[in-house]
Amino acid sequence: TDLASHIIGQLVAVHPAFDEWVDPFAAPEVQGKPRER
């Protein structure tokens, strides 16, 4: 039907309060690096 990128799209804009919470959704090389993530 279509593709979905919900948890990736959420990482386009993350308030610092949620950084550690959502970091596991990102590739290991950008975890802990909000701008790169």
PDB file of all heavy atoms in Angstrom:
ATOM      1  N   THR A   1       0.838  -1.199   0.000  1.00  0.00           N
ATOM      2  CA  THR A   1       0.000   0.000   0.000  1.00  0.00           C
ATOM      3  C   THR A   1       0.874   1.251   0.000  1.00  0.00           C
ATOM      4  O   THR A   1       0.618   2.202  -0.730  1.00  0.00           O
ATOM      5  CB  THR A   1      -0.937   0.036   1.217  1.00  0.00           C
ATOM      6  OG1 THR A   1      -0.162   0.208   2.416  1.00  0.00           O
ATOM      7  CG2 THR A   1      -1.743  -1.248   1.315  1.00  0.00           C
ATOM      8  N   ASP A   2       1.895   1.262   0.827  1.00  0.00           N
ATOM      9  CA  ASP A   2       2.814   2.391   0.942  1.00  0.00           C
ATOM     10  C   ASP A   2       3.879   2.053   1.984  1.00  0.00           C
ATOM     11  O   ASP A   2       3.812   1.021   2.669  1.00  0.00           O
ATOM     12  CB  ASP A   2       2.106   3.698   1.339  1.00  0.00           C
ATOM     13  CG  ASP A   2       0.868   3.479   2.176  1.00  0.00           C
ATOM     14  OD1 ASP A   2       1.000   2.900   3.262  1.00  0.00           O
ATOM     15  OD2 ASP A   2      -0.225   3.854   1.721  1.00  0.00           O
ATOM     16  N   LEU A   3       4.878   2.929   2.092  1.00  0.00           N
ATOM     17  CA  LEU A   3       5.940   2.798   3.078  1.00  0.00           C
ATOM     18  C   LEU A   3       5.693   3.788   4.212  1.00  0.00           C
ATOM     19  O   LEU A   3       5.046   4.816   4.027  1.00  0.00           O
ATOM     20  CB  LEU A   3       7.303   3.063   2.440  1.00  0.00           C
ATOM     21  CG  LEU A   3       7.665   2.208   1.222  1.00  0.00           C
ATOM     22  CD1 LEU A   3       9.039   2.614   0.692  1.00  0.00           C
ATOM     23  CD2 LEU A   3       7.636   0.719   1.559  1.00  0.00           C
ATOM     24  N   ALA A   4       6.243   3.489   5.383  1.00  0.00           N
ATOM     25  CA  ALA A   4       6.062   4.350   6.550  1.00  0.00           C
ATOM     26  C   ALA A   4       7.391   4.521   7.283  1.00  0.00           C
ATOM     27  O   ALA A   4       8.143   3.564   7.445  1.00  0.00           O
ATOM     28  CB  ALA A   4       5.021   3.736   7.493  1.00  0.00           C
ATOM     29  N   SER A   5       7.659   5.755   7.723  1.00  0.00           N
ATOM     30  CA  SER A   5       8.925   6.050   8.409  1.00  0.00           C
ATOM     31  C   SER A   5       8.679   6.770   9.734  1.00  0.00           C
ATOM     32  O   SER A   5       9.432   7.669  10.114  1.00  0.00           O
ATOM     33  CB  SER A   5       9.834   6.905   7.518  1.00  0.00           C
ATOM     34  OG  SER A   5       9.239   8.172   7.253  1.00  0.00           O
ATOM     35  N   HIS A   6       7.639   6.373  10.470  1.00  0.00           N
ATOM     36  CA  HIS A   6       7.220   7.112  11.660  1.00  0.00           C
ATOM     37  C   HIS A   6       8.359   7.415  12.641  1.00  0.00           C
ATOM     38  O   HIS A   6       8.600   8.580  12.980  1.00  0.00           O
ATOM     39  CB  HIS A   6       6.121   6.337  12.395  1.00  0.00           C
ATOM     40  CG  HIS A   6       4.817   6.296  11.695  1.00  0.00           C
ATOM     41  ND1 HIS A   6       4.587   5.473  10.604  1.00  0.00           N
ATOM     42  CD2 HIS A   6       3.659   6.969  11.909  1.00  0.00           C
ATOM     43  CE1 HIS A   6       3.335   5.634  10.189  1.00  0.00           C
ATOM     44  NE2 HIS A   6       2.754   6.531  10.965  1.00  0.00           N
ATOM     45  N   ILE A   7       9.030   6.390  13.121  1.00  0.00           N
ATOM     46  CA  ILE A   7      10.014   6.639  14.174  1.00  0.00           C
ATOM     47  C   ILE A   7      11.266   7.313  13.627  1.00  0.00           C
ATOM     48  O   ILE A   7      12.029   7.915  14.395  1.00  0.00           O
ATOM     49  CB  ILE A   7      10.368   5.353  14.948  1.00  0.00           C
ATOM     50  CG1 ILE A   7      11.040   4.312  14.052  1.00  0.00           C
ATOM     51  CG2 ILE A   7       9.130   4.772  15.607  1.00  0.00           C
ATOM     52  CD1 ILE A   7      11.512   3.092  14.828  1.00  0.00           C
ATOM     53  N   ILE A   8      11.468   7.244  12.319  1.00  0.00           N
ATOM     54  CA  ILE A   8      12.579   7.975  11.703  1.00  0.00           C
ATOM     55  C   ILE A   8      12.195   9.442  11.539  1.00  0.00           C
ATOM     56  O   ILE A   8      12.967  10.353  11.854  1.00  0.00           O
ATOM     57  CB  ILE A   8      12.959   7.368  10.352  1.00  0.00           C
ATOM     58  CG1 ILE A   8      13.254   5.869  10.509  1.00  0.00           C
ATOM     59  CG2 ILE A   8      14.155   8.091   9.766  1.00  0.00           C
ATOM     60  CD1 ILE A   8      14.368   5.541  11.470  1.00  0.00           C
ATOM     61  N   GLY A   9      10.987   9.688  11.060  1.00  0.00           N
ATOM     62  CA  GLY A   9      10.517  11.059  10.931  1.00  0.00           C
ATOM     63  C   GLY A   9      10.531  11.790  12.260  1.00  0.00           C
ATOM     64  O   GLY A   9      10.836  12.992  12.323  1.00  0.00           O
ATOM     65  N   GLN A  10      10.232  11.071  13.334  1.00  0.00           N
ATOM     66  CA  GLN A  10      10.248  11.692  14.658  1.00  0.00           C
ATOM     67  C   GLN A  10      11.635  12.219  15.014  1.00  0.00           C
ATOM     68  O   GLN A  10      11.767  13.206  15.744  1.00  0.00           O
ATOM     69  CB  GLN A  10       9.776  10.684  15.714  1.00  0.00           C
ATOM     70  CG  GLN A  10       9.532  11.299  17.075  1.00  0.00           C
ATOM     71  CD  GLN A  10       8.711  10.399  17.978  1.00  0.00           C
ATOM     72  OE1 GLN A  10       8.347   9.287  17.595  1.00  0.00           O
ATOM     73  NE2 GLN A  10       8.416  10.865  19.167  1.00  0.00           N
ATOM     74  N   LEU A  11      12.669  11.600  14.466  1.00  0.00           N
ATOM     75  CA  LEU A  11      14.042  12.005  14.768  1.00  0.00           C
ATOM     76  C   LEU A  11      14.487  13.241  13.989  1.00  0.00           C
ATOM     77  O   LEU A  11      15.554  13.788  14.267  1.00  0.00           O
ATOM     78  CB  LEU A  11      15.003  10.855  14.478  1.00  0.00           C
ATOM     79  CG  LEU A  11      14.805   9.579  15.291  1.00  0.00           C
ATOM     80  CD1 LEU A  11      15.857   8.537  14.917  1.00  0.00           C
ATOM     81  CD2 LEU A  11      14.867   9.865  16.785  1.00  0.00           C
ATOM     82  N   VAL A  12      13.673  13.677  13.032  1.00  0.00           N
ATOM     83  CA  VAL A  12      14.016  14.902  12.291  1.00  0.00           C
ATOM     84  C   VAL A  12      14.027  16.100  13.233  1.00  0.00           C
ATOM     85  O   VAL A  12      14.800  17.037  13.062  1.00  0.00           O
ATOM     86  CB  VAL A  12      13.031  15.114  11.120  1.00  0.00           C
ATOM     87  CG1 VAL A  12      13.214  16.494  10.487  1.00  0.00           C
ATOM     88  CG2 VAL A  12      13.217  14.023  10.071  1.00  0.00           C
ATOM     89  N   ALA A  13      13.165  16.074  14.253  1.00  0.00           N
ATOM     90  CA  ALA A  13      13.096  17.174  15.215  1.00  0.00           C
ATOM     91  C   ALA A  13      12.837  16.599  16.601  1.00  0.00           C
ATOM     92  O   ALA A  13      11.739  16.101  16.869  1.00  0.00           O
ATOM     93  CB  ALA A  13      12.004  18.159  14.828  1.00  0.00           C
ATOM     94  N   VAL A  14      13.829  16.680  17.471  1.00  0.00           N
ATOM     95  CA  VAL A  14      13.726  16.100  18.811  1.00  0.00           C
ATOM     96  C   VAL A  14      14.106  17.160  19.845  1.00  0.00           C
ATOM     97  O   VAL A  14      15.204  17.726  19.794  1.00  0.00           O
ATOM     98  CB  VAL A  14      14.653  14.879  18.967  1.00  0.00           C
ATOM     99  CG1 VAL A  14      14.570  14.326  20.398  1.00  0.00           C
ATOM    100  CG2 VAL A  14      14.301  13.803  17.955  1.00  0.00           C
ATOM    101  N   HIS A  15      13.208  17.418  20.790  1.00  0.00           N
ATOM    102  CA  HIS A  15      13.566  18.292  21.901  1.00  0.00           C
ATOM    103  C   HIS A  15      14.604  17.583  22.772  1.00  0.00           C
ATOM    104  O   HIS A  15      14.534  16.359  22.961  1.00  0.00           O
ATOM    105  CB  HIS A  15      12.325  18.645  22.728  1.00  0.00           C
ATOM    106  CG  HIS A  15      12.582  19.667  23.781  1.00  0.00           C
ATOM    107  ND1 HIS A  15      13.120  19.345  25.004  1.00  0.00           N
ATOM    108  CD2 HIS A  15      12.416  21.017  23.772  1.00  0.00           C
ATOM    109  CE1 HIS A  15      13.256  20.451  25.724  1.00  0.00           C
ATOM    110  NE2 HIS A  15      12.835  21.481  25.000  1.00  0.00           N
ATOM    111  N   PRO A  16      15.579  18.333  23.320  1.00  0.00           N
ATOM    112  CA  PRO A  16      16.640  17.694  24.126  1.00  0.00           C
ATOM    113  C   PRO A  16      16.119  16.824  25.273  1.00  0.00           C
ATOM    114  O   PRO A  16      16.790  15.874  25.670  1.00  0.00           O
ATOM    115  CB  PRO A  16      17.433  18.895  24.659  1.00  0.00           C
ATOM    116  CG  PRO A  16      17.235  19.960  23.634  1.00  0.00           C
ATOM    117  CD  PRO A  16      15.835  19.768  23.129  1.00  0.00           C
ATOM    118  N   ALA A  17      14.923  17.127  25.780  1.00  0.00           N
ATOM    119  CA  ALA A  17      14.374  16.320  26.875  1.00  0.00           C
ATOM    120  C   ALA A  17      14.177  14.864  26.468  1.00  0.00           C
ATOM    121  O   ALA A  17      14.154  13.968  27.320  1.00  0.00           O
ATOM    122  CB  ALA A  17      13.040  16.909  27.346  1.00  0.00           C
ATOM    123  N   PHE A  18      14.054  14.614  25.147  1.00  0.00           N
ATOM    124  CA  PHE A  18      13.772  13.268  24.668  1.00  0.00           C
ATOM    125  C   PHE A  18      14.973  12.601  24.003  1.00  0.00           C
ATOM    126  O   PHE A  18      14.837  11.508  23.446  1.00  0.00           O
ATOM    127  CB  PHE A  18      12.596  13.299  23.692  1.00  0.00           C
ATOM    128  CG  PHE A  18      11.353  13.919  24.269  1.00  0.00           C
ATOM    129  CD1 PHE A  18      10.812  15.068  23.713  1.00  0.00           C
ATOM    130  CD2 PHE A  18      10.739  13.369  25.379  1.00  0.00           C
ATOM    131  CE1 PHE A  18       9.675  15.649  24.248  1.00  0.00           C
ATOM    132  CE2 PHE A  18       9.595  13.936  25.918  1.00  0.00           C
ATOM    133  CZ  PHE A  18       9.065  15.084  25.351  1.00  0.00           C
ATOM    134  N   ASP A  19      16.148  13.240  24.038  1.00  0.00           N
ATOM    135  CA  ASP A  19      17.312  12.732  23.317  1.00  0.00           C
ATOM    136  C   ASP A  19      17.618  11.275  23.651  1.00  0.00           C
ATOM    137  O   ASP A  19      17.713  10.415  22.772  1.00  0.00           O
ATOM    138  CB  ASP A  19      18.542  13.598  23.598  1.00  0.00           C
ATOM    139  CG  ASP A  19      18.652  14.767  22.630  1.00  0.00           C
ATOM    140  OD1 ASP A  19      18.054  14.697  21.547  1.00  0.00           O
ATOM    141  OD2 ASP A  19      19.335  15.742  22.962  1.00  0.00           O
ATOM    142  N   GLU A  20      17.810  10.967  24.918  1.00  0.00           N
ATOM    143  CA  GLU A  20      18.200   9.603  25.303  1.00  0.00           C
ATOM    144  C   GLU A  20      17.073   8.614  25.068  1.00  0.00           C
ATOM    145  O   GLU A  20      17.308   7.442  24.767  1.00  0.00           O
ATOM    146  CB  GLU A  20      18.637   9.585  26.764  1.00  0.00           C
ATOM    147  CG  GLU A  20      19.958  10.318  27.005  1.00  0.00           C
ATOM    148  CD  GLU A  20      20.543  10.027  28.371  1.00  0.00           C
ATOM    149  OE1 GLU A  20      20.183   8.983  28.966  1.00  0.00           O
ATOM    150  OE2 GLU A  20      21.343  10.843  28.833  1.00  0.00           O
ATOM    151  N   TRP A  21      15.858   9.087  25.173  1.00  0.00           N
ATOM    152  CA  TRP A  21      14.681   8.239  24.989  1.00  0.00           C
ATOM    153  C   TRP A  21      14.598   7.720  23.558  1.00  0.00           C
ATOM    154  O   TRP A  21      14.297   6.542  23.326  1.00  0.00           O
ATOM    155  CB  TRP A  21      13.452   9.070  25.343  1.00  0.00           C
ATOM    156  CG  TRP A  21      12.145   8.330  25.441  1.00  0.00           C
ATOM    157  CD1 TRP A  21      11.924   7.002  25.259  1.00  0.00           C
ATOM    158  CD2 TRP A  21      10.887   8.920  25.764  1.00  0.00           C
ATOM    159  NE1 TRP A  21      10.598   6.710  25.433  1.00  0.00           N
ATOM    160  CE2 TRP A  21       9.942   7.868  25.752  1.00  0.00           C
ATOM    161  CE3 TRP A  21      10.462  10.208  26.053  1.00  0.00           C
ATOM    162  CZ2 TRP A  21       8.589   8.087  26.020  1.00  0.00           C
ATOM    163  CZ3 TRP A  21       9.116  10.420  26.325  1.00  0.00           C
ATOM    164  CH2 TRP A  21       8.198   9.369  26.310  1.00  0.00           C
ATOM    165  N   VAL A  22      14.856   8.596  22.581  1.00  0.00           N
ATOM    166  CA  VAL A  22      14.674   8.206  21.176  1.00  0.00           C
ATOM    167  C   VAL A  22      15.966   7.772  20.499  1.00  0.00           C
ATOM    168  O   VAL A  22      15.926   7.268  19.367  1.00  0.00           O
ATOM    169  CB  VAL A  22      14.031   9.352  20.372  1.00  0.00           C
ATOM    170  CG1 VAL A  22      12.687   9.734  20.962  1.00  0.00           C
ATOM    171  CG2 VAL A  22      14.951  10.569  20.303  1.00  0.00           C
ATOM    172  N   ASP A  23      17.108   7.953  21.145  1.00  0.00           N
ATOM    173  CA  ASP A  23      18.390   7.619  20.536  1.00  0.00           C
ATOM    174  C   ASP A  23      18.452   6.195  19.971  1.00  0.00           C
ATOM    175  O   ASP A  23      19.043   5.980  18.909  1.00  0.00           O
ATOM    176  CB  ASP A  23      19.521   7.828  21.539  1.00  0.00           C
ATOM    177  CG  ASP A  23      20.572   8.807  21.020  1.00  0.00           C
ATOM    178  OD1 ASP A  23      20.351   9.421  19.958  1.00  0.00           O
ATOM    179  OD2 ASP A  23      21.611   8.945  21.681  1.00  0.00           O
ATOM    180  N   PRO A  24      17.880   5.199  20.649  1.00  0.00           N
ATOM    181  CA  PRO A  24      17.964   3.828  20.116  1.00  0.00           C
ATOM    182  C   PRO A  24      17.332   3.642  18.742  1.00  0.00           C
ATOM    183  O   PRO A  24      17.626   2.653  18.060  1.00  0.00           O
ATOM    184  CB  PRO A  24      17.227   2.989  21.170  1.00  0.00           C
ATOM    185  CG  PRO A  24      17.356   3.767  22.434  1.00  0.00           C
ATOM    186  CD  PRO A  24      17.278   5.200  22.001  1.00  0.00           C
ATOM    187  N   PHE A  25      16.474   4.566  18.307  1.00  0.00           N
ATOM    188  CA  PHE A  25      15.871   4.455  16.982  1.00  0.00           C
ATOM    189  C   PHE A  25      16.848   4.811  15.869  1.00  0.00           C
ATOM    190  O   PHE A  25      16.599   4.499  14.705  1.00  0.00           O
ATOM    191  CB  PHE A  25      14.651   5.382  16.867  1.00  0.00           C
ATOM    192  CG  PHE A  25      13.520   5.042  17.800  1.00  0.00           C
ATOM    193  CD1 PHE A  25      12.702   6.046  18.299  1.00  0.00           C
ATOM    194  CD2 PHE A  25      13.268   3.734  18.181  1.00  0.00           C
ATOM    195  CE1 PHE A  25      11.652   5.747  19.155  1.00  0.00           C
ATOM    196  CE2 PHE A  25      12.229   3.429  19.041  1.00  0.00           C
ATOM    197  CZ  PHE A  25      11.408   4.436  19.527  1.00  0.00           C
ATOM    198  N   ALA A  26      17.940   5.474  16.222  1.00  0.00           N
ATOM    199  CA  ALA A  26      18.889   5.963  15.216  1.00  0.00           C
ATOM    200  C   ALA A  26      20.023   4.966  14.997  1.00  0.00           C
ATOM    201  O   ALA A  26      20.255   4.061  15.803  1.00  0.00           O
ATOM    202  CB  ALA A  26      19.466   7.307  15.649  1.00  0.00           C
ATOM    203  N   ALA A  27      20.744   5.141  13.895  1.00  0.00           N
ATOM    204  CA  ALA A  27      21.930   4.322  13.630  1.00  0.00           C
ATOM    205  C   ALA A  27      22.979   4.567  14.719  1.00  0.00           C
ATOM    206  O   ALA A  27      23.099   5.691  15.226  1.00  0.00           O
ATOM    207  CB  ALA A  27      22.504   4.677  12.263  1.00  0.00           C
ATOM    208  N   PRO A  28      23.726   3.545  15.100  1.00  0.00           N
ATOM    209  CA  PRO A  28      24.693   3.686  16.200  1.00  0.00           C
ATOM    210  C   PRO A  28      25.661   4.846  16.019  1.00  0.00           C
ATOM    211  O   PRO A  28      26.018   5.517  16.999  1.00  0.00           O
ATOM    212  CB  PRO A  28      25.430   2.342  16.189  1.00  0.00           C
ATOM    213  CG  PRO A  28      24.458   1.383  15.600  1.00  0.00           C
ATOM    214  CD  PRO A  28      23.687   2.160  14.585  1.00  0.00           C
ATOM    215  N   GLU A  29      26.067   5.115  14.793  1.00  0.00           N
ATOM    216  CA  GLU A  29      27.075   6.146  14.567  1.00  0.00           C
ATOM    217  C   GLU A  29      26.581   7.565  14.831  1.00  0.00           C
ATOM    218  O   GLU A  29      27.392   8.493  14.966  1.00  0.00           O
ATOM    219  CB  GLU A  29      27.627   6.057  13.141  1.00  0.00           C
ATOM    220  CG  GLU A  29      26.624   6.293  12.043  1.00  0.00           C
ATOM    221  CD  GLU A  29      25.952   5.022  11.552  1.00  0.00           C
ATOM    222  OE1 GLU A  29      25.958   4.014  12.308  1.00  0.00           O
ATOM    223  OE2 GLU A  29      25.416   5.031  10.423  1.00  0.00           O
ATOM    224  N   VAL A  30      25.256   7.766  14.917  1.00  0.00           N
ATOM    225  CA  VAL A  30      24.755   9.115  15.193  1.00  0.00           C
ATOM    226  C   VAL A  30      24.083   9.218  16.559  1.00  0.00           C
ATOM    227  O   VAL A  30      23.609  10.293  16.927  1.00  0.00           O
ATOM    228  CB  VAL A  30      23.779   9.584  14.096  1.00  0.00           C
ATOM    229  CG1 VAL A  30      24.484   9.665  12.755  1.00  0.00           C
ATOM    230  CG2 VAL A  30      22.550   8.679  14.015  1.00  0.00           C
ATOM    231  N   GLN A  31      24.063   8.145  17.309  1.00  0.00           N
ATOM    232  CA  GLN A  31      23.477   8.205  18.645  1.00  0.00           C
ATOM    233  C   GLN A  31      24.332   9.088  19.543  1.00  0.00           C
ATOM    234  O   GLN A  31      25.548   9.061  19.492  1.00  0.00           O
ATOM    235  CB  GLN A  31      23.359   6.795  19.229  1.00  0.00           C
ATOM    236  CG  GLN A  31      22.322   5.946  18.521  1.00  0.00           C
ATOM    237  CD  GLN A  31      22.200   4.539  19.079  1.00  0.00           C
ATOM    238  OE1 GLN A  31      22.773   4.216  20.120  1.00  0.00           O
ATOM    239  NE2 GLN A  31      21.471   3.681  18.386  1.00  0.00           N
ATOM    240  N   GLY A  32      23.653   9.903  20.358  1.00  0.00           N
ATOM    241  CA  GLY A  32      24.361  10.832  21.219  1.00  0.00           C
ATOM    242  C   GLY A  32      24.826  12.088  20.511  1.00  0.00           C
ATOM    243  O   GLY A  32      25.503  12.926  21.100  1.00  0.00           O
ATOM    244  N   LYS A  33      24.438  12.240  19.231  1.00  0.00           N
ATOM    245  CA  LYS A  33      24.833  13.407  18.436  1.00  0.00           C
ATOM    246  C   LYS A  33      23.573  14.001  17.794  1.00  0.00           C
ATOM    247  O   LYS A  33      23.242  13.677  16.647  1.00  0.00           O
ATOM    248  CB  LYS A  33      25.826  12.997  17.351  1.00  0.00           C
ATOM    249  CG  LYS A  33      27.075  12.284  17.881  1.00  0.00           C
ATOM    250  CD  LYS A  33      27.903  11.730  16.720  1.00  0.00           C
ATOM    251  CE  LYS A  33      29.100  10.944  17.232  1.00  0.00           C
ATOM    252  NZ  LYS A  33      29.868  10.319  16.107  1.00  0.00           N
ATOM    253  N   PRO A  34      22.853  14.836  18.507  1.00  0.00           N
ATOM    254  CA  PRO A  34      21.549  15.308  18.037  1.00  0.00           C
ATOM    255  C   PRO A  34      21.559  15.928  16.641  1.00  0.00           C
ATOM    256  O   PRO A  34      20.657  15.651  15.839  1.00  0.00           O
ATOM    257  CB  PRO A  34      21.146  16.336  19.096  1.00  0.00           C
ATOM    258  CG  PRO A  34      21.851  15.887  20.336  1.00  0.00           C
ATOM    259  CD  PRO A  34      23.162  15.323  19.867  1.00  0.00           C
ATOM    260  N   ARG A  35      22.559  16.751  16.318  1.00  0.00           N
ATOM    261  CA  ARG A  35      22.583  17.392  15.012  1.00  0.00           C
ATOM    262  C   ARG A  35      22.787  16.362  13.909  1.00  0.00           C
ATOM    263  O   ARG A  35      22.071  16.353  12.899  1.00  0.00           O
ATOM    264  CB  ARG A  35      23.703  18.442  14.958  1.00  0.00           C
ATOM    265  CG  ARG A  35      23.701  19.247  13.646  1.00  0.00           C
ATOM    266  CD  ARG A  35      24.874  20.225  13.624  1.00  0.00           C
ATOM    267  NE  ARG A  35      24.783  21.173  14.692  1.00  0.00           N
ATOM    268  CZ  ARG A  35      24.098  22.314  14.628  1.00  0.00           C
ATOM    269  NH1 ARG A  35      23.438  22.624  13.518  1.00  0.00           N
ATOM    270  NH2 ARG A  35      24.063  23.149  15.643  1.00  0.00           N
ATOM    271  N   GLU A  36      23.749  15.460  14.115  1.00  0.00           N
ATOM    272  CA  GLU A  36      24.020  14.421  13.120  1.00  0.00           C
ATOM    273  C   GLU A  36      22.843  13.462  13.003  1.00  0.00           C
ATOM    274  O   GLU A  36      22.525  12.988  11.906  1.00  0.00           O
ATOM    275  CB  GLU A  36      25.290  13.661  13.469  1.00  0.00           C
ATOM    276  CG  GLU A  36      26.564  14.460  13.305  1.00  0.00           C
ATOM    277  CD  GLU A  36      26.932  15.257  14.557  1.00  0.00           C
ATOM    278  OE1 GLU A  36      26.023  15.463  15.423  1.00  0.00           O
ATOM    279  OE2 GLU A  36      28.089  15.684  14.665  1.00  0.00           O
ATOM    280  N   ARG A  37      22.200  13.197  14.138  1.00  0.00           N
ATOM    281  CA  ARG A  37      21.046  12.286  14.121  1.00  0.00           C
ATOM    282  C   ARG A  37      19.904  12.878  13.292  1.00  0.00           C
ATOM    283  O   ARG A  37      19.262  12.169  12.505  1.00  0.00           O
ATOM    284  CB  ARG A  37      20.583  12.033  15.553  1.00  0.00           C
ATOM    285  CG  ARG A  37      19.422  11.036  15.686  1.00  0.00           C
ATOM    286  CD  ARG A  37      18.946  10.937  17.122  1.00  0.00           C
ATOM    287  NE  ARG A  37      18.447  12.229  17.577  1.00  0.00           N
ATOM    288  CZ  ARG A  37      18.483  12.631  18.842  1.00  0.00           C
ATOM    289  NH1 ARG A  37      18.983  11.849  19.779  1.00  0.00           N
ATOM    290  NH2 ARG A  37      17.997  13.815  19.179  1.00  0.00           N
TER     291      ARG A  37
END
